[in-house]
Amino acid sequence: MNISVILVNAITDMNYGFANAAALIMILLGIVILLLINKLFRMNEPVW
């Protein structure tokens, strides 16, 4: 299952603690992916 589907199912089942944990994992994964892309493509370095 997708993590977003897990989040929606947890909210609809009124399991708010699990929904908060799933949302936190989504946020952390997003930050890690952004940092990886930033390091991979070296967006902070000048071209010349």
PDB file of N, CA and C in Angstrom:
ATOM      1  N   MET A   1       0.831  -1.192   0.000  1.00  0.00           N
ATOM      2  CA  MET A   1       0.000   0.000   0.000  1.00  0.00           C
ATOM      3  C   MET A   1       0.872   1.251   0.000  1.00  0.00           C
ATOM      4  N   ASN A   2       0.309   2.290  -0.530  1.00  0.00           N
ATOM      5  CA  ASN A   2       0.947   3.597  -0.552  1.00  0.00           C
ATOM      6  C   ASN A   2       0.897   4.220   0.838  1.00  0.00           C
ATOM      7  N   ILE A   3       1.891   5.024   1.185  1.00  0.00           N
ATOM      8  CA  ILE A   3       1.871   5.645   2.513  1.00  0.00           C
ATOM      9  C   ILE A   3       0.743   6.665   2.629  1.00  0.00           C
ATOM     10  N   SER A   4       0.366   7.291   1.515  1.00  0.00           N
ATOM     11  CA  SER A   4      -0.759   8.230   1.564  1.00  0.00           C
ATOM     12  C   SER A   4      -2.079   7.488   1.777  1.00  0.00           C
ATOM     13  N   VAL A   5      -2.212   6.293   1.220  1.00  0.00           N
ATOM     14  CA  VAL A   5      -3.417   5.489   1.441  1.00  0.00           C
ATOM     15  C   VAL A   5      -3.471   5.029   2.890  1.00  0.00           C
ATOM     16  N   ILE A   6      -2.325   4.674   3.448  1.00  0.00           N
ATOM     17  CA  ILE A   6      -2.266   4.282   4.856  1.00  0.00           C
ATOM     18  C   ILE A   6      -2.690   5.448   5.737  1.00  0.00           C
ATOM     19  N   LEU A   7      -2.253   6.659   5.373  1.00  0.00           N
ATOM     20  CA  LEU A   7      -2.619   7.852   6.134  1.00  0.00           C
ATOM     21  C   LEU A   7      -4.127   8.085   6.087  1.00  0.00           C
ATOM     22  N   VAL A   8      -4.725   8.009   4.919  1.00  0.00           N
ATOM     23  CA  VAL A   8      -6.166   8.242   4.782  1.00  0.00           C
ATOM     24  C   VAL A   8      -6.951   7.162   5.518  1.00  0.00           C
ATOM     25  N   ASN A   9      -6.515   5.913   5.417  1.00  0.00           N
ATOM     26  CA  ASN A   9      -7.208   4.840   6.134  1.00  0.00           C
ATOM     27  C   ASN A   9      -7.116   5.023   7.642  1.00  0.00           C
ATOM     28  N   ALA A  10      -5.982   5.472   8.129  1.00  0.00           N
ATOM     29  CA  ALA A  10      -5.835   5.698   9.564  1.00  0.00           C
ATOM     30  C   ALA A  10      -6.738   6.836  10.025  1.00  0.00           C
ATOM     31  N   ILE A  11      -6.876   7.873   9.215  1.00  0.00           N
ATOM     32  CA  ILE A  11      -7.745   8.995   9.597  1.00  0.00           C
ATOM     33  C   ILE A  11      -9.205   8.563   9.588  1.00  0.00           C
ATOM     34  N   THR A  12      -9.618   7.825   8.567  1.00  0.00           N
ATOM     35  CA  THR A  12     -11.017   7.410   8.495  1.00  0.00           C
ATOM     36  C   THR A  12     -11.362   6.379   9.559  1.00  0.00           C
ATOM     37  N   ASP A  13     -10.376   5.615  10.013  1.00  0.00           N
ATOM     38  CA  ASP A  13     -10.604   4.658  11.103  1.00  0.00           C
ATOM     39  C   ASP A  13     -10.483   5.308  12.476  1.00  0.00           C
ATOM     40  N   MET A  14     -10.273   6.643  12.493  1.00  0.00           N
ATOM     41  CA  MET A  14     -10.107   7.423  13.720  1.00  0.00           C
ATOM     42  C   MET A  14      -8.926   6.939  14.547  1.00  0.00           C
ATOM     43  N   ASN A  15      -7.884   6.493  13.879  1.00  0.00           N
ATOM     44  CA  ASN A  15      -6.645   6.079  14.531  1.00  0.00           C
ATOM     45  C   ASN A  15      -5.639   7.216  14.343  1.00  0.00           C
ATOM     46  N   TYR A  16      -5.814   8.268  15.133  1.00  0.00           N
ATOM     47  CA  TYR A  16      -5.078   9.508  14.904  1.00  0.00           C
ATOM     48  C   TYR A  16      -3.601   9.397  15.261  1.00  0.00           C
ATOM     49  N   GLY A  17      -3.249   8.565  16.213  1.00  0.00           N
ATOM     50  CA  GLY A  17      -1.835   8.378  16.547  1.00  0.00           C
ATOM     51  C   GLY A  17      -1.079   7.752  15.388  1.00  0.00           C
ATOM     52  N   PHE A  18      -1.673   6.741  14.776  1.00  0.00           N
ATOM     53  CA  PHE A  18      -1.055   6.097  13.617  1.00  0.00           C
ATOM     54  C   PHE A  18      -1.014   7.044  12.429  1.00  0.00           C
ATOM     55  N   ALA A  19      -2.051   7.874  12.286  1.00  0.00           N
ATOM     56  CA  ALA A  19      -2.072   8.856  11.199  1.00  0.00           C
ATOM     57  C   ALA A  19      -0.967   9.894  11.391  1.00  0.00           C
ATOM     58  N   ASN A  20      -0.736  10.315  12.632  1.00  0.00           N
ATOM     59  CA  ASN A  20       0.342  11.257  12.892  1.00  0.00           C
ATOM     60  C   ASN A  20       1.701  10.634  12.598  1.00  0.00           C
ATOM     61  N   ALA A  21       1.879   9.366  12.940  1.00  0.00           N
ATOM     62  CA  ALA A  21       3.140   8.681  12.658  1.00  0.00           C
ATOM     63  C   ALA A  21       3.354   8.550  11.151  1.00  0.00           C
ATOM     64  N   ALA A  22       2.302   8.227  10.410  1.00  0.00           N
ATOM     65  CA  ALA A  22       2.415   8.106   8.957  1.00  0.00           C
ATOM     66  C   ALA A  22       2.730   9.454   8.323  1.00  0.00           C
ATOM     67  N   ALA A  23       2.128  10.520   8.831  1.00  0.00           N
ATOM     68  CA  ALA A  23       2.397  11.859   8.296  1.00  0.00           C
ATOM     69  C   ALA A  23       3.836  12.269   8.589  1.00  0.00           C
ATOM     70  N   LEU A  24       4.326  11.937   9.766  1.00  0.00           N
ATOM     71  CA  LEU A  24       5.710  12.255  10.113  1.00  0.00           C
ATOM     72  C   LEU A  24       6.687  11.525   9.195  1.00  0.00           C
ATOM     73  N   ILE A  25       6.402  10.273   8.893  1.00  0.00           N
ATOM     74  CA  ILE A  25       7.257   9.507   7.983  1.00  0.00           C
ATOM     75  C   ILE A  25       7.220  10.123   6.590  1.00  0.00           C
ATOM     76  N   MET A  26       6.045  10.574   6.145  1.00  0.00           N
ATOM     77  CA  MET A  26       5.949  11.224   4.841  1.00  0.00           C
ATOM     78  C   MET A  26       6.782  12.499   4.797  1.00  0.00           C
ATOM     79  N   ILE A  27       6.715  13.293   5.855  1.00  0.00           N
ATOM     80  CA  ILE A  27       7.487  14.536   5.902  1.00  0.00           C
ATOM     81  C   ILE A  27       8.981  14.241   5.914  1.00  0.00           C
ATOM     82  N   LEU A  28       9.412  13.281   6.730  1.00  0.00           N
ATOM     83  CA  LEU A  28      10.832  12.937   6.796  1.00  0.00           C
ATOM     84  C   LEU A  28      11.351  12.389   5.474  1.00  0.00           C
ATOM     85  N   LEU A  29      10.559  11.549   4.813  1.00  0.00           N
ATOM     86  CA  LEU A  29      10.965  11.035   3.506  1.00  0.00           C
ATOM     87  C   LEU A  29      11.078  12.163   2.483  1.00  0.00           C
ATOM     88  N   GLY A  30      10.168  13.114   2.540  1.00  0.00           N
ATOM     89  CA  GLY A  30      10.231  14.248   1.629  1.00  0.00           C
ATOM     90  C   GLY A  30      11.483  15.081   1.837  1.00  0.00           C
ATOM     91  N   ILE A  31      11.840  15.321   3.091  1.00  0.00           N
ATOM     92  CA  ILE A  31      13.047  16.092   3.385  1.00  0.00           C
ATOM     93  C   ILE A  31      14.291  15.352   2.925  1.00  0.00           C
ATOM     94  N   VAL A  32      14.346  14.041   3.174  1.00  0.00           N
ATOM     95  CA  VAL A  32      15.505  13.249   2.753  1.00  0.00           C
ATOM     96  C   VAL A  32      15.635  13.249   1.235  1.00  0.00           C
ATOM     97  N   ILE A  33      14.528  13.120   0.528  1.00  0.00           N
ATOM     98  CA  ILE A  33      14.571  13.109  -0.935  1.00  0.00           C
ATOM     99  C   ILE A  33      15.016  14.468  -1.469  1.00  0.00           C
ATOM    100  N   LEU A  34      14.521  15.554  -0.852  1.00  0.00           N
ATOM    101  CA  LEU A  34      14.958  16.885  -1.277  1.00  0.00           C
ATOM    102  C   LEU A  34      16.450  17.088  -1.054  1.00  0.00           C
ATOM    103  N   LEU A  35      16.966  16.640   0.083  1.00  0.00           N
ATOM    104  CA  LEU A  35      18.393  16.770   0.350  1.00  0.00           C
ATOM    105  C   LEU A  35      19.227  15.938  -0.626  1.00  0.00           C
ATOM    106  N   LEU A  36      18.753  14.736  -0.945  1.00  0.00           N
ATOM    107  CA  LEU A  36      19.462  13.889  -1.904  1.00  0.00           C
ATOM    108  C   LEU A  36      19.512  14.535  -3.286  1.00  0.00           C
ATOM    109  N   ILE A  37      18.400  15.083  -3.728  1.00  0.00           N
ATOM    110  CA  ILE A  37      18.369  15.739  -5.034  1.00  0.00           C
ATOM    111  C   ILE A  37      19.290  16.950  -5.027  1.00  0.00           C
ATOM    112  N   ASN A  38      19.292  17.704  -3.933  1.00  0.00           N
ATOM    113  CA  ASN A  38      20.144  18.883  -3.825  1.00  0.00           C
ATOM    114  C   ASN A  38      21.619  18.488  -3.897  1.00  0.00           C
ATOM    115  N   LYS A  39      22.010  17.426  -3.218  1.00  0.00           N
ATOM    116  CA  LYS A  39      23.401  16.982  -3.253  1.00  0.00           C
ATOM    117  C   LYS A  39      23.755  16.343  -4.596  1.00  0.00           C
ATOM    118  N   LEU A  40      22.821  15.613  -5.178  1.00  0.00           N
ATOM    119  CA  LEU A  40      23.080  14.919  -6.423  1.00  0.00           C
ATOM    120  C   LEU A  40      23.304  15.894  -7.567  1.00  0.00           C
ATOM    121  N   PHE A  41      22.516  16.941  -7.644  1.00  0.00           N
ATOM    122  CA  PHE A  41      22.628  17.885  -8.746  1.00  0.00           C
ATOM    123  C   PHE A  41      23.410  19.134  -8.371  1.00  0.00           C
ATOM    124  N   ARG A  42      23.905  19.214  -7.155  1.00  0.00           N
ATOM    125  CA  ARG A  42      24.745  20.315  -6.666  1.00  0.00           C
ATOM    126  C   ARG A  42      24.146  21.672  -7.008  1.00  0.00           C
ATOM    127  N   MET A  43      22.942  21.909  -6.519  1.00  0.00           N
ATOM    128  CA  MET A  43      22.218  23.128  -6.870  1.00  0.00           C
ATOM    129  C   MET A  43      22.753  24.365  -6.151  1.00  0.00           C
ATOM    130  N   ASN A  44      23.565  24.201  -5.126  1.00  0.00           N
ATOM    131  CA  ASN A  44      24.073  25.361  -4.393  1.00  0.00           C
ATOM    132  C   ASN A  44      25.387  25.875  -4.942  1.00  0.00           C
ATOM    133  N   GLU A  45      25.995  25.174  -5.900  1.00  0.00           N
ATOM    134  CA  GLU A  45      27.278  25.592  -6.443  1.00  0.00           C
ATOM    135  C   GLU A  45      27.089  26.437  -7.711  1.00  0.00           C
ATOM    136  N   PRO A  46      27.912  27.453  -7.900  1.00  0.00           N
ATOM    137  CA  PRO A  46      27.799  28.262  -9.126  1.00  0.00           C
ATOM    138  C   PRO A  46      28.223  27.449 -10.356  1.00  0.00           C
ATOM    139  N   VAL A  47      27.774  27.886 -11.500  1.00  0.00           N
ATOM    140  CA  VAL A  47      28.073  27.175 -12.748  1.00  0.00           C
ATOM    141  C   VAL A  47      29.529  27.375 -13.151  1.00  0.00           C
ATOM    142  N   TRP A  48      30.089  28.571 -12.940  1.00  0.00           N
ATOM    143  CA  TRP A  48      31.473  28.834 -13.316  1.00  0.00           C
ATOM    144  C   TRP A  48      32.325  29.196 -12.134  1.00  0.00           C
TER     145      TRP A  48
END
